[in-house]
Amino acid sequence: DGTVRAMFSRVNPMGVRAVAFKAPTDNELAHDYL
């Protein structure tokens, strides 16, 4: 989390997206892991 804040706090947010992968949901588990 600290790396994301440090690297991208001064970057145009229009072209940056952070994704945090948590424990998979039931729907996600019903598909392949990728």
PDB file of all heavy atoms in Angstrom:
ATOM      1  N   ASP A   1       0.831  -1.208   0.000  1.00  0.00           N
ATOM      2  CA  ASP A   1       0.000   0.000   0.000  1.00  0.00           C
ATOM      3  C   ASP A   1       0.864   1.256   0.000  1.00  0.00           C
ATOM      4  O   ASP A   1       0.589   2.225  -0.729  1.00  0.00           O
ATOM      5  CB  ASP A   1      -0.916   0.017   1.228  1.00  0.00           C
ATOM      6  CG  ASP A   1      -1.992  -1.057   1.174  1.00  0.00           C
ATOM      7  OD1 ASP A   1      -2.213  -1.634   0.095  1.00  0.00           O
ATOM      8  OD2 ASP A   1      -2.605  -1.324   2.230  1.00  0.00           O
ATOM      9  N   GLY A   2       1.896   1.268   0.808  1.00  0.00           N
ATOM     10  CA  GLY A   2       2.776   2.429   0.894  1.00  0.00           C
ATOM     11  C   GLY A   2       3.478   2.708  -0.420  1.00  0.00           C
ATOM     12  O   GLY A   2       3.686   3.878  -0.792  1.00  0.00           O
ATOM     13  N   THR A   3       3.833   1.659  -1.143  1.00  0.00           N
ATOM     14  CA  THR A   3       4.472   1.839  -2.445  1.00  0.00           C
ATOM     15  C   THR A   3       3.518   2.507  -3.422  1.00  0.00           C
ATOM     16  O   THR A   3       3.911   3.427  -4.161  1.00  0.00           O
ATOM     17  CB  THR A   3       4.920   0.482  -3.003  1.00  0.00           C
ATOM     18  OG1 THR A   3       5.918  -0.073  -2.135  1.00  0.00           O
ATOM     19  CG2 THR A   3       5.498   0.631  -4.397  1.00  0.00           C
ATOM     20  N   VAL A   4       2.267   2.077  -3.436  1.00  0.00           N
ATOM     21  CA  VAL A   4       1.283   2.674  -4.342  1.00  0.00           C
ATOM     22  C   VAL A   4       1.121   4.163  -4.027  1.00  0.00           C
ATOM     23  O   VAL A   4       1.124   5.009  -4.932  1.00  0.00           O
ATOM     24  CB  VAL A   4      -0.069   1.950  -4.236  1.00  0.00           C
ATOM     25  CG1 VAL A   4      -1.122   2.659  -5.086  1.00  0.00           C
ATOM     26  CG2 VAL A   4       0.072   0.497  -4.684  1.00  0.00           C
ATOM     27  N   ARG A   5       0.999   4.497  -2.753  1.00  0.00           N
ATOM     28  CA  ARG A   5       0.849   5.916  -2.374  1.00  0.00           C
ATOM     29  C   ARG A   5       2.070   6.726  -2.792  1.00  0.00           C
ATOM     30  O   ARG A   5       1.941   7.817  -3.349  1.00  0.00           O
ATOM     31  CB  ARG A   5       0.635   6.038  -0.864  1.00  0.00           C
ATOM     32  CG  ARG A   5      -0.735   5.629  -0.379  1.00  0.00           C
ATOM     33  CD  ARG A   5      -0.974   6.105   1.049  1.00  0.00           C
ATOM     34  NE  ARG A   5       0.018   5.561   1.959  1.00  0.00           N
ATOM     35  CZ  ARG A   5      -0.096   4.402   2.609  1.00  0.00           C
ATOM     36  NH1 ARG A   5      -1.170   3.653   2.395  1.00  0.00           N
ATOM     37  NH2 ARG A   5       0.828   3.979   3.438  1.00  0.00           N
ATOM     38  N   ALA A   6       3.245   6.198  -2.532  1.00  0.00           N
ATOM     39  CA  ALA A   6       4.465   6.940  -2.809  1.00  0.00           C
ATOM     40  C   ALA A   6       4.690   7.139  -4.303  1.00  0.00           C
ATOM     41  O   ALA A   6       5.098   8.221  -4.745  1.00  0.00           O
ATOM     42  CB  ALA A   6       5.661   6.222  -2.188  1.00  0.00           C
ATOM     43  N   MET A   7       4.442   6.117  -5.098  1.00  0.00           N
ATOM     44  CA  MET A   7       4.756   6.179  -6.526  1.00  0.00           C
ATOM     45  C   MET A   7       3.766   7.010  -7.324  1.00  0.00           C
ATOM     46  O   MET A   7       4.142   7.649  -8.314  1.00  0.00           O
ATOM     47  CB  MET A   7       4.799   4.759  -7.124  1.00  0.00           C
ATOM     48  CG  MET A   7       5.956   3.892  -6.679  1.00  0.00           C
ATOM     49  SD  MET A   7       7.581   4.581  -7.028  1.00  0.00           S
ATOM     50  CE  MET A   7       8.006   5.152  -5.364  1.00  0.00           C
ATOM     51  N   PHE A   8       2.500   7.026  -6.918  1.00  0.00           N
ATOM     52  CA  PHE A   8       1.483   7.554  -7.816  1.00  0.00           C
ATOM     53  C   PHE A   8       0.685   8.726  -7.259  1.00  0.00           C
ATOM     54  O   PHE A   8      -0.284   9.157  -7.885  1.00  0.00           O
ATOM     55  CB  PHE A   8       0.548   6.420  -8.237  1.00  0.00           C
ATOM     56  CG  PHE A   8       1.281   5.314  -8.947  1.00  0.00           C
ATOM     57  CD1 PHE A   8       1.592   4.133  -8.292  1.00  0.00           C
ATOM     58  CD2 PHE A   8       1.697   5.476 -10.255  1.00  0.00           C
ATOM     59  CE1 PHE A   8       2.290   3.123  -8.936  1.00  0.00           C
ATOM     60  CE2 PHE A   8       2.398   4.473 -10.910  1.00  0.00           C
ATOM     61  CZ  PHE A   8       2.695   3.302 -10.254  1.00  0.00           C
ATOM     62  N   SER A   9       1.088   9.275  -6.125  1.00  0.00           N
ATOM     63  CA  SER A   9       0.355  10.410  -5.551  1.00  0.00           C
ATOM     64  C   SER A   9       0.509  11.670  -6.401  1.00  0.00           C
ATOM     65  O   SER A   9      -0.310  12.584  -6.322  1.00  0.00           O
ATOM     66  CB  SER A   9       0.834  10.683  -4.123  1.00  0.00           C
ATOM     67  OG  SER A   9       2.225  10.979  -4.118  1.00  0.00           O
ATOM     68  N   ARG A  10       1.569  11.717  -7.229  1.00  0.00           N
ATOM     69  CA  ARG A  10       1.810  12.904  -8.056  1.00  0.00           C
ATOM     70  C   ARG A  10       1.619  12.616  -9.543  1.00  0.00           C
ATOM     71  O   ARG A  10       2.051  13.377 -10.401  1.00  0.00           O
ATOM     72  CB  ARG A  10       3.232  13.415  -7.803  1.00  0.00           C
ATOM     73  CG  ARG A  10       3.408  13.961  -6.404  1.00  0.00           C
ATOM     74  CD  ARG A  10       4.810  13.817  -5.858  1.00  0.00           C
ATOM     75  NE  ARG A  10       5.782  14.674  -6.500  1.00  0.00           N
ATOM     76  CZ  ARG A  10       7.039  14.838  -6.067  1.00  0.00           C
ATOM     77  NH1 ARG A  10       7.434  14.195  -4.975  1.00  0.00           N
ATOM     78  NH2 ARG A  10       7.870  15.625  -6.691  1.00  0.00           N
ATOM     79  N   VAL A  11       0.969  11.508  -9.847  1.00  0.00           N
ATOM     80  CA  VAL A  11       0.760  11.103 -11.231  1.00  0.00           C
ATOM     81  C   VAL A  11      -0.705  11.305 -11.604  1.00  0.00           C
ATOM     82  O   VAL A  11      -1.599  11.122 -10.767  1.00  0.00           O
ATOM     83  CB  VAL A  11       1.174   9.627 -11.422  1.00  0.00           C
ATOM     84  CG1 VAL A  11       0.839   9.130 -12.812  1.00  0.00           C
ATOM     85  CG2 VAL A  11       2.674   9.465 -11.166  1.00  0.00           C
ATOM     86  N   ASN A  12      -0.974  11.684 -12.847  1.00  0.00           N
ATOM     87  CA  ASN A  12      -2.331  11.916 -13.323  1.00  0.00           C
ATOM     88  C   ASN A  12      -3.189  10.678 -13.079  1.00  0.00           C
ATOM     89  O   ASN A  12      -2.937   9.623 -13.661  1.00  0.00           O
ATOM     90  CB  ASN A  12      -2.302  12.255 -14.820  1.00  0.00           C
ATOM     91  CG  ASN A  12      -3.690  12.543 -15.383  1.00  0.00           C
ATOM     92  OD1 ASN A  12      -4.698  12.447 -14.685  1.00  0.00           O
ATOM     93  ND2 ASN A  12      -3.738  12.910 -16.642  1.00  0.00           N
ATOM     94  N   PRO A  13      -4.209  10.765 -12.230  1.00  0.00           N
ATOM     95  CA  PRO A  13      -5.014   9.581 -11.901  1.00  0.00           C
ATOM     96  C   PRO A  13      -5.818   9.040 -13.073  1.00  0.00           C
ATOM     97  O   PRO A  13      -6.299   7.903 -13.010  1.00  0.00           O
ATOM     98  CB  PRO A  13      -5.933  10.080 -10.775  1.00  0.00           C
ATOM     99  CG  PRO A  13      -6.011  11.560 -10.973  1.00  0.00           C
ATOM    100  CD  PRO A  13      -4.668  11.968 -11.502  1.00  0.00           C
ATOM    101  N   MET A  14      -5.971   9.824 -14.145  1.00  0.00           N
ATOM    102  CA  MET A  14      -6.742   9.352 -15.292  1.00  0.00           C
ATOM    103  C   MET A  14      -6.089   8.136 -15.950  1.00  0.00           C
ATOM    104  O   MET A  14      -6.775   7.315 -16.559  1.00  0.00           O
ATOM    105  CB  MET A  14      -6.877  10.481 -16.326  1.00  0.00           C
ATOM    106  CG  MET A  14      -7.743  11.621 -15.862  1.00  0.00           C
ATOM    107  SD  MET A  14      -9.465  11.112 -15.580  1.00  0.00           S
ATOM    108  CE  MET A  14      -9.977  10.722 -17.247  1.00  0.00           C
ATOM    109  N   GLY A  15      -4.756   8.008 -15.831  1.00  0.00           N
ATOM    110  CA  GLY A  15      -4.084   6.911 -16.513  1.00  0.00           C
ATOM    111  C   GLY A  15      -3.492   5.883 -15.582  1.00  0.00           C
ATOM    112  O   GLY A  15      -2.625   5.098 -15.994  1.00  0.00           O
ATOM    113  N   VAL A  16      -3.959   5.864 -14.328  1.00  0.00           N
ATOM    114  CA  VAL A  16      -3.423   4.933 -13.334  1.00  0.00           C
ATOM    115  C   VAL A  16      -4.577   4.251 -12.617  1.00  0.00           C
ATOM    116  O   VAL A  16      -5.583   4.891 -12.290  1.00  0.00           O
ATOM    117  CB  VAL A  16      -2.529   5.665 -12.309  1.00  0.00           C
ATOM    118  CG1 VAL A  16      -2.080   4.713 -11.220  1.00  0.00           C
ATOM    119  CG2 VAL A  16      -1.310   6.268 -12.996  1.00  0.00           C
ATOM    120  N   ARG A  17      -4.432   2.947 -12.368  1.00  0.00           N
ATOM    121  CA  ARG A  17      -5.476   2.209 -11.655  1.00  0.00           C
ATOM    122  C   ARG A  17      -4.828   1.179 -10.749  1.00  0.00           C
ATOM    123  O   ARG A  17      -4.016   0.371 -11.197  1.00  0.00           O
ATOM    124  CB  ARG A  17      -6.420   1.536 -12.651  1.00  0.00           C
ATOM    125  CG  ARG A  17      -7.544   0.732 -12.048  1.00  0.00           C
ATOM    126  CD  ARG A  17      -8.579   0.376 -13.117  1.00  0.00           C
ATOM    127  NE  ARG A  17      -7.940  -0.222 -14.277  1.00  0.00           N
ATOM    128  CZ  ARG A  17      -7.708  -1.533 -14.420  1.00  0.00           C
ATOM    129  NH1 ARG A  17      -8.085  -2.375 -13.466  1.00  0.00           N
ATOM    130  NH2 ARG A  17      -7.116  -1.998 -15.495  1.00  0.00           N
ATOM    131  N   ALA A  18      -5.182   1.225  -9.477  1.00  0.00           N
ATOM    132  CA  ALA A  18      -4.671   0.253  -8.509  1.00  0.00           C
ATOM    133  C   ALA A  18      -5.751  -0.785  -8.219  1.00  0.00           C
ATOM    134  O   ALA A  18      -6.929  -0.443  -8.037  1.00  0.00           O
ATOM    135  CB  ALA A  18      -4.263   0.956  -7.221  1.00  0.00           C
ATOM    136  N   VAL A  19      -5.335  -2.042  -8.174  1.00  0.00           N
ATOM    137  CA  VAL A  19      -6.256  -3.158  -7.923  1.00  0.00           C
ATOM    138  C   VAL A  19      -5.713  -3.975  -6.765  1.00  0.00           C
ATOM    139  O   VAL A  19      -4.571  -4.443  -6.815  1.00  0.00           O
ATOM    140  CB  VAL A  19      -6.399  -4.068  -9.164  1.00  0.00           C
ATOM    141  CG1 VAL A  19      -7.428  -5.171  -8.893  1.00  0.00           C
ATOM    142  CG2 VAL A  19      -6.760  -3.262 -10.397  1.00  0.00           C
ATOM    143  N   ALA A  20      -6.504  -4.124  -5.717  1.00  0.00           N
ATOM    144  CA  ALA A  20      -6.112  -4.939  -4.569  1.00  0.00           C
ATOM    145  C   ALA A  20      -6.863  -6.261  -4.626  1.00  0.00           C
ATOM    146  O   ALA A  20      -8.102  -6.279  -4.604  1.00  0.00           O
ATOM    147  CB  ALA A  20      -6.411  -4.206  -3.269  1.00  0.00           C
ATOM    148  N   PHE A  21      -6.130  -7.339  -4.720  1.00  0.00           N
ATOM    149  CA  PHE A  21      -6.760  -8.661  -4.778  1.00  0.00           C
ATOM    150  C   PHE A  21      -6.894  -9.226  -3.374  1.00  0.00           C
ATOM    151  O   PHE A  21      -5.895  -9.500  -2.706  1.00  0.00           O
ATOM    152  CB  PHE A  21      -5.945  -9.596  -5.671  1.00  0.00           C
ATOM    153  CG  PHE A  21      -6.079  -9.283  -7.134  1.00  0.00           C
ATOM    154  CD1 PHE A  21      -5.122  -8.518  -7.782  1.00  0.00           C
ATOM    155  CD2 PHE A  21      -7.170  -9.734  -7.852  1.00  0.00           C
ATOM    156  CE1 PHE A  21      -5.248  -8.220  -9.126  1.00  0.00           C
ATOM    157  CE2 PHE A  21      -7.313  -9.433  -9.207  1.00  0.00           C
ATOM    158  CZ  PHE A  21      -6.347  -8.670  -9.841  1.00  0.00           C
ATOM    159  N   LYS A  22      -8.131  -9.385  -2.951  1.00  0.00           N
ATOM    160  CA  LYS A  22      -8.438  -9.956  -1.639  1.00  0.00           C
ATOM    161  C   LYS A  22      -8.792 -11.439  -1.804  1.00  0.00           C
ATOM    162  O   LYS A  22      -8.645 -12.010  -2.876  1.00  0.00           O
ATOM    163  CB  LYS A  22      -9.602  -9.188  -0.998  1.00  0.00           C
ATOM    164  CG  LYS A  22      -9.380  -7.680  -0.910  1.00  0.00           C
ATOM    165  CD  LYS A  22      -8.246  -7.320   0.035  1.00  0.00           C
ATOM    166  CE  LYS A  22      -8.144  -5.809   0.208  1.00  0.00           C
ATOM    167  NZ  LYS A  22      -7.012  -5.437   1.107  1.00  0.00           N
ATOM    168  N   ALA A  23      -9.295 -12.032  -0.738  1.00  0.00           N
ATOM    169  CA  ALA A  23      -9.760 -13.421  -0.837  1.00  0.00           C
ATOM    170  C   ALA A  23     -10.849 -13.495  -1.905  1.00  0.00           C
ATOM    171  O   ALA A  23     -11.728 -12.634  -1.971  1.00  0.00           O
ATOM    172  CB  ALA A  23     -10.303 -13.884   0.501  1.00  0.00           C
ATOM    173  N   PRO A  24     -10.819 -14.499  -2.784  1.00  0.00           N
ATOM    174  CA  PRO A  24     -11.792 -14.574  -3.872  1.00  0.00           C
ATOM    175  C   PRO A  24     -13.216 -14.768  -3.374  1.00  0.00           C
ATOM    176  O   PRO A  24     -13.457 -15.421  -2.364  1.00  0.00           O
ATOM    177  CB  PRO A  24     -11.315 -15.786  -4.688  1.00  0.00           C
ATOM    178  CG  PRO A  24     -10.465 -16.583  -3.753  1.00  0.00           C
ATOM    179  CD  PRO A  24      -9.833 -15.594  -2.830  1.00  0.00           C
ATOM    180  N   THR A  25     -14.152 -14.168  -4.107  1.00  0.00           N
ATOM    181  CA  THR A  25     -15.571 -14.320  -3.801  1.00  0.00           C
ATOM    182  C   THR A  25     -16.057 -15.678  -4.311  1.00  0.00           C
ATOM    183  O   THR A  25     -15.356 -16.381  -5.042  1.00  0.00           O
ATOM    184  CB  THR A  25     -16.389 -13.214  -4.480  1.00  0.00           C
ATOM    185  OG1 THR A  25     -16.279 -13.376  -5.912  1.00  0.00           O
ATOM    186  CG2 THR A  25     -15.873 -11.835  -4.096  1.00  0.00           C
ATOM    187  N   ASP A  26     -17.286 -16.030  -3.938  1.00  0.00           N
ATOM    188  CA  ASP A  26     -17.859 -17.292  -4.415  1.00  0.00           C
ATOM    189  C   ASP A  26     -17.931 -17.299  -5.941  1.00  0.00           C
ATOM    190  O   ASP A  26     -17.669 -18.327  -6.581  1.00  0.00           O
ATOM    191  CB  ASP A  26     -19.253 -17.499  -3.826  1.00  0.00           C
ATOM    192  CG  ASP A  26     -19.209 -17.821  -2.336  1.00  0.00           C
ATOM    193  OD1 ASP A  26     -18.136 -18.214  -1.846  1.00  0.00           O
ATOM    194  OD2 ASP A  26     -20.252 -17.672  -1.674  1.00  0.00           O
ATOM    195  N   ASN A  27     -18.293 -16.167  -6.531  1.00  0.00           N
ATOM    196  CA  ASN A  27     -18.382 -16.091  -7.989  1.00  0.00           C
ATOM    197  C   ASN A  27     -17.006 -16.272  -8.626  1.00  0.00           C
ATOM    198  O   ASN A  27     -16.859 -16.963  -9.648  1.00  0.00           O
ATOM    199  CB  ASN A  27     -18.979 -14.749  -8.415  1.00  0.00           C
ATOM    200  CG  ASN A  27     -19.177 -14.659  -9.913  1.00  0.00           C
ATOM    201  OD1 ASN A  27     -19.675 -15.587 -10.552  1.00  0.00           O
ATOM    202  ND2 ASN A  27     -18.770 -13.532 -10.499  1.00  0.00           N
ATOM    203  N   GLU A  28     -15.986 -15.667  -8.028  1.00  0.00           N
ATOM    204  CA  GLU A  28     -14.629 -15.811  -8.559  1.00  0.00           C
ATOM    205  C   GLU A  28     -14.130 -17.244  -8.419  1.00  0.00           C
ATOM    206  O   GLU A  28     -13.466 -17.778  -9.309  1.00  0.00           O
ATOM    207  CB  GLU A  28     -13.699 -14.831  -7.852  1.00  0.00           C
ATOM    208  CG  GLU A  28     -13.960 -13.379  -8.244  1.00  0.00           C
ATOM    209  CD  GLU A  28     -13.253 -12.380  -7.348  1.00  0.00           C
ATOM    210  OE1 GLU A  28     -12.803 -12.771  -6.244  1.00  0.00           O
ATOM    211  OE2 GLU A  28     -13.155 -11.196  -7.744  1.00  0.00           O
ATOM    212  N   LEU A  29     -14.474 -17.886  -7.313  1.00  0.00           N
ATOM    213  CA  LEU A  29     -14.059 -19.277  -7.102  1.00  0.00           C
ATOM    214  C   LEU A  29     -14.747 -20.234  -8.071  1.00  0.00           C
ATOM    215  O   LEU A  29     -14.242 -21.332  -8.332  1.00  0.00           O
ATOM    216  CB  LEU A  29     -14.360 -19.701  -5.659  1.00  0.00           C
ATOM    217  CG  LEU A  29     -13.440 -19.111  -4.585  1.00  0.00           C
ATOM    218  CD1 LEU A  29     -13.982 -19.430  -3.203  1.00  0.00           C
ATOM    219  CD2 LEU A  29     -12.018 -19.643  -4.740  1.00  0.00           C
ATOM    220  N   ALA A  30     -15.878 -19.806  -8.604  1.00  0.00           N
ATOM    221  CA  ALA A  30     -16.593 -20.643  -9.559  1.00  0.00           C
ATOM    222  C   ALA A  30     -15.939 -20.632 -10.941  1.00  0.00           C
ATOM    223  O   ALA A  30     -16.275 -21.452 -11.800  1.00  0.00           O
ATOM    224  CB  ALA A  30     -18.049 -20.196  -9.674  1.00  0.00           C
ATOM    225  N   HIS A  31     -15.009 -19.699 -11.161  1.00  0.00           N
ATOM    226  CA  HIS A  31     -14.266 -19.617 -12.412  1.00  0.00           C
ATOM    227  C   HIS A  31     -12.832 -20.101 -12.189  1.00  0.00           C
ATOM    228  O   HIS A  31     -12.434 -20.417 -11.068  1.00  0.00           O
ATOM    229  CB  HIS A  31     -14.234 -18.167 -12.911  1.00  0.00           C
ATOM    230  CG  HIS A  31     -15.555 -17.621 -13.326  1.00  0.00           C
ATOM    231  ND1 HIS A  31     -16.470 -17.126 -12.420  1.00  0.00           N
ATOM    232  CD2 HIS A  31     -16.121 -17.474 -14.553  1.00  0.00           C
ATOM    233  CE1 HIS A  31     -17.554 -16.696 -13.065  1.00  0.00           C
ATOM    234  NE2 HIS A  31     -17.358 -16.902 -14.357  1.00  0.00           N
ATOM    235  N   ASP A  32     -12.050 -20.163 -13.266  1.00  0.00           N
ATOM    236  CA  ASP A  32     -10.637 -20.478 -13.113  1.00  0.00           C
ATOM    237  C   ASP A  32      -9.957 -19.322 -12.377  1.00  0.00           C
ATOM    238  O   ASP A  32     -10.444 -18.178 -12.380  1.00  0.00           O
ATOM    239  CB  ASP A  32      -9.978 -20.712 -14.471  1.00  0.00           C
ATOM    240  CG  ASP A  32      -9.926 -19.447 -15.321  1.00  0.00           C
ATOM    241  OD1 ASP A  32      -8.944 -18.693 -15.194  1.00  0.00           O
ATOM    242  OD2 ASP A  32     -10.878 -19.218 -16.096  1.00  0.00           O
ATOM    243  N   TYR A  33      -8.816 -19.593 -11.750  1.00  0.00           N
ATOM    244  CA  TYR A  33      -8.202 -18.611 -10.853  1.00  0.00           C
ATOM    245  C   TYR A  33      -7.673 -17.372 -11.566  1.00  0.00           C
ATOM    246  O   TYR A  33      -7.478 -16.325 -10.936  1.00  0.00           O
ATOM    247  CB  TYR A  33      -7.074 -19.260 -10.039  1.00  0.00           C
ATOM    248  CG  TYR A  33      -5.854 -19.642 -10.848  1.00  0.00           C
ATOM    249  CD1 TYR A  33      -4.750 -18.798 -10.914  1.00  0.00           C
ATOM    250  CD2 TYR A  33      -5.801 -20.848 -11.548  1.00  0.00           C
ATOM    251  CE1 TYR A  33      -3.631 -19.148 -11.667  1.00  0.00           C
ATOM    252  CE2 TYR A  33      -4.691 -21.204 -12.279  1.00  0.00           C
ATOM    253  CZ  TYR A  33      -3.602 -20.356 -12.346  1.00  0.00           C
ATOM    254  OH  TYR A  33      -2.504 -20.702 -13.089  1.00  0.00           O
ATOM    255  N   LEU A  34      -7.467 -17.460 -12.892  1.00  0.00           N
ATOM    256  CA  LEU A  34      -6.994 -16.287 -13.633  1.00  0.00           C
ATOM    257  C   LEU A  34      -8.137 -15.410 -14.154  1.00  0.00           C
ATOM    258  O   LEU A  34      -7.888 -14.315 -14.654  1.00  0.00           O
ATOM    259  CB  LEU A  34      -6.120 -16.727 -14.817  1.00  0.00           C
ATOM    260  CG  LEU A  34      -4.732 -17.259 -14.452  1.00  0.00           C
ATOM    261  CD1 LEU A  34      -4.051 -17.855 -15.688  1.00  0.00           C
ATOM    262  CD2 LEU A  34      -3.866 -16.157 -13.854  1.00  0.00           C
TER     263      LEU A  34
END
